[in-house]
Amino acid sequence: MAGRNYYTLAETARVLEVPQRRLLEMLETGELEGEQDPHSSRWKISKQVVDALISAGLSPEGPI
């Protein structure tokens, strides 16, 4: 079975070590790319997007 190619909001918060509220703000302003499921309203954030933030040495709060 192939793994998922996205993180949930809670998983993203854990990986980036930032509050979920901050991630929601970023999603709403377009600072962070993600898709919201139309049925459940849950966010899916691409692992590539999160990994790119980490690789660039960036976090939603500023440089790591």
Protein backbone atom coordinates (compact mmCIF):
# COMPACT_ATOMS: atom_id res chain seq x y z
CA MET A 1 0.00 0.00 0.00
CA ALA A 2 1.39 3.40 -0.97
CA GLY A 3 1.70 6.07 1.71
CA ARG A 4 -0.19 9.33 1.69
CA ASN A 5 1.36 12.27 -0.09
CA TYR A 6 -0.07 14.83 2.32
CA TYR A 7 -0.16 15.80 5.98
CA THR A 8 -3.22 16.72 7.98
CA LEU A 9 -3.29 20.09 9.73
CA ALA A 10 -2.32 18.47 13.04
CA GLU A 11 0.54 16.53 11.44
CA THR A 12 1.83 19.66 9.70
CA ALA A 13 1.73 21.55 13.00
CA ARG A 14 3.74 18.80 14.67
CA VAL A 15 6.33 18.61 11.87
CA LEU A 16 6.83 22.38 11.63
CA GLU A 17 6.42 22.89 15.39
CA VAL A 18 3.87 25.69 15.04
CA PRO A 19 0.32 26.09 16.34
CA GLN A 20 -2.51 24.88 14.14
CA ARG A 21 -4.08 28.36 14.38
CA ARG A 22 -0.98 29.85 12.68
CA LEU A 23 -1.20 27.25 9.90
CA LEU A 24 -4.87 28.09 9.37
CA GLU A 25 -3.95 31.77 9.04
CA MET A 26 -1.27 30.87 6.51
CA LEU A 27 -3.69 28.72 4.51
CA GLU A 28 -6.28 31.49 4.49
CA THR A 29 -3.78 34.11 3.28
CA GLY A 30 -2.12 31.83 0.73
CA GLU A 31 1.24 31.74 2.52
CA LEU A 32 0.87 27.96 2.69
CA GLU A 33 -0.64 25.79 -0.03
CA GLY A 34 -3.23 23.22 0.90
CA GLU A 35 -6.54 21.72 -0.12
CA GLN A 36 -9.64 21.64 2.01
CA ASP A 37 -11.86 18.58 1.61
CA PRO A 38 -15.31 19.84 0.57
CA HIS A 39 -17.07 17.10 2.55
CA SER A 40 -15.15 17.03 5.81
CA SER A 41 -13.58 20.53 5.70
CA ARG A 42 -10.28 18.97 6.76
CA TRP A 43 -7.09 20.37 5.32
CA LYS A 44 -4.57 18.34 3.31
CA ILE A 45 -1.12 19.87 3.01
CA SER A 46 1.28 18.33 0.50
CA LYS A 47 4.32 16.66 2.01
CA GLN A 48 6.35 18.29 -0.77
CA VAL A 49 5.28 21.75 0.40
CA VAL A 50 6.18 20.98 4.02
CA ASP A 51 9.46 19.32 3.04
CA ALA A 52 10.37 22.32 0.88
CA LEU A 53 9.85 24.65 3.85
CA ILE A 54 12.08 22.48 5.99
CA SER A 55 14.76 22.10 3.29
CA ALA A 56 14.85 25.85 2.74
CA GLY A 57 15.44 26.34 6.44
CA LEU A 58 12.19 28.20 6.78
CA SER A 59 9.33 27.82 9.19
CA PRO A 60 6.03 29.71 9.45
CA GLU A 61 7.52 31.65 12.36
CA GLY A 62 10.72 32.59 10.52
CA PRO A 63 14.15 30.96 9.98
CA ILE A 64 14.79 27.68 11.75
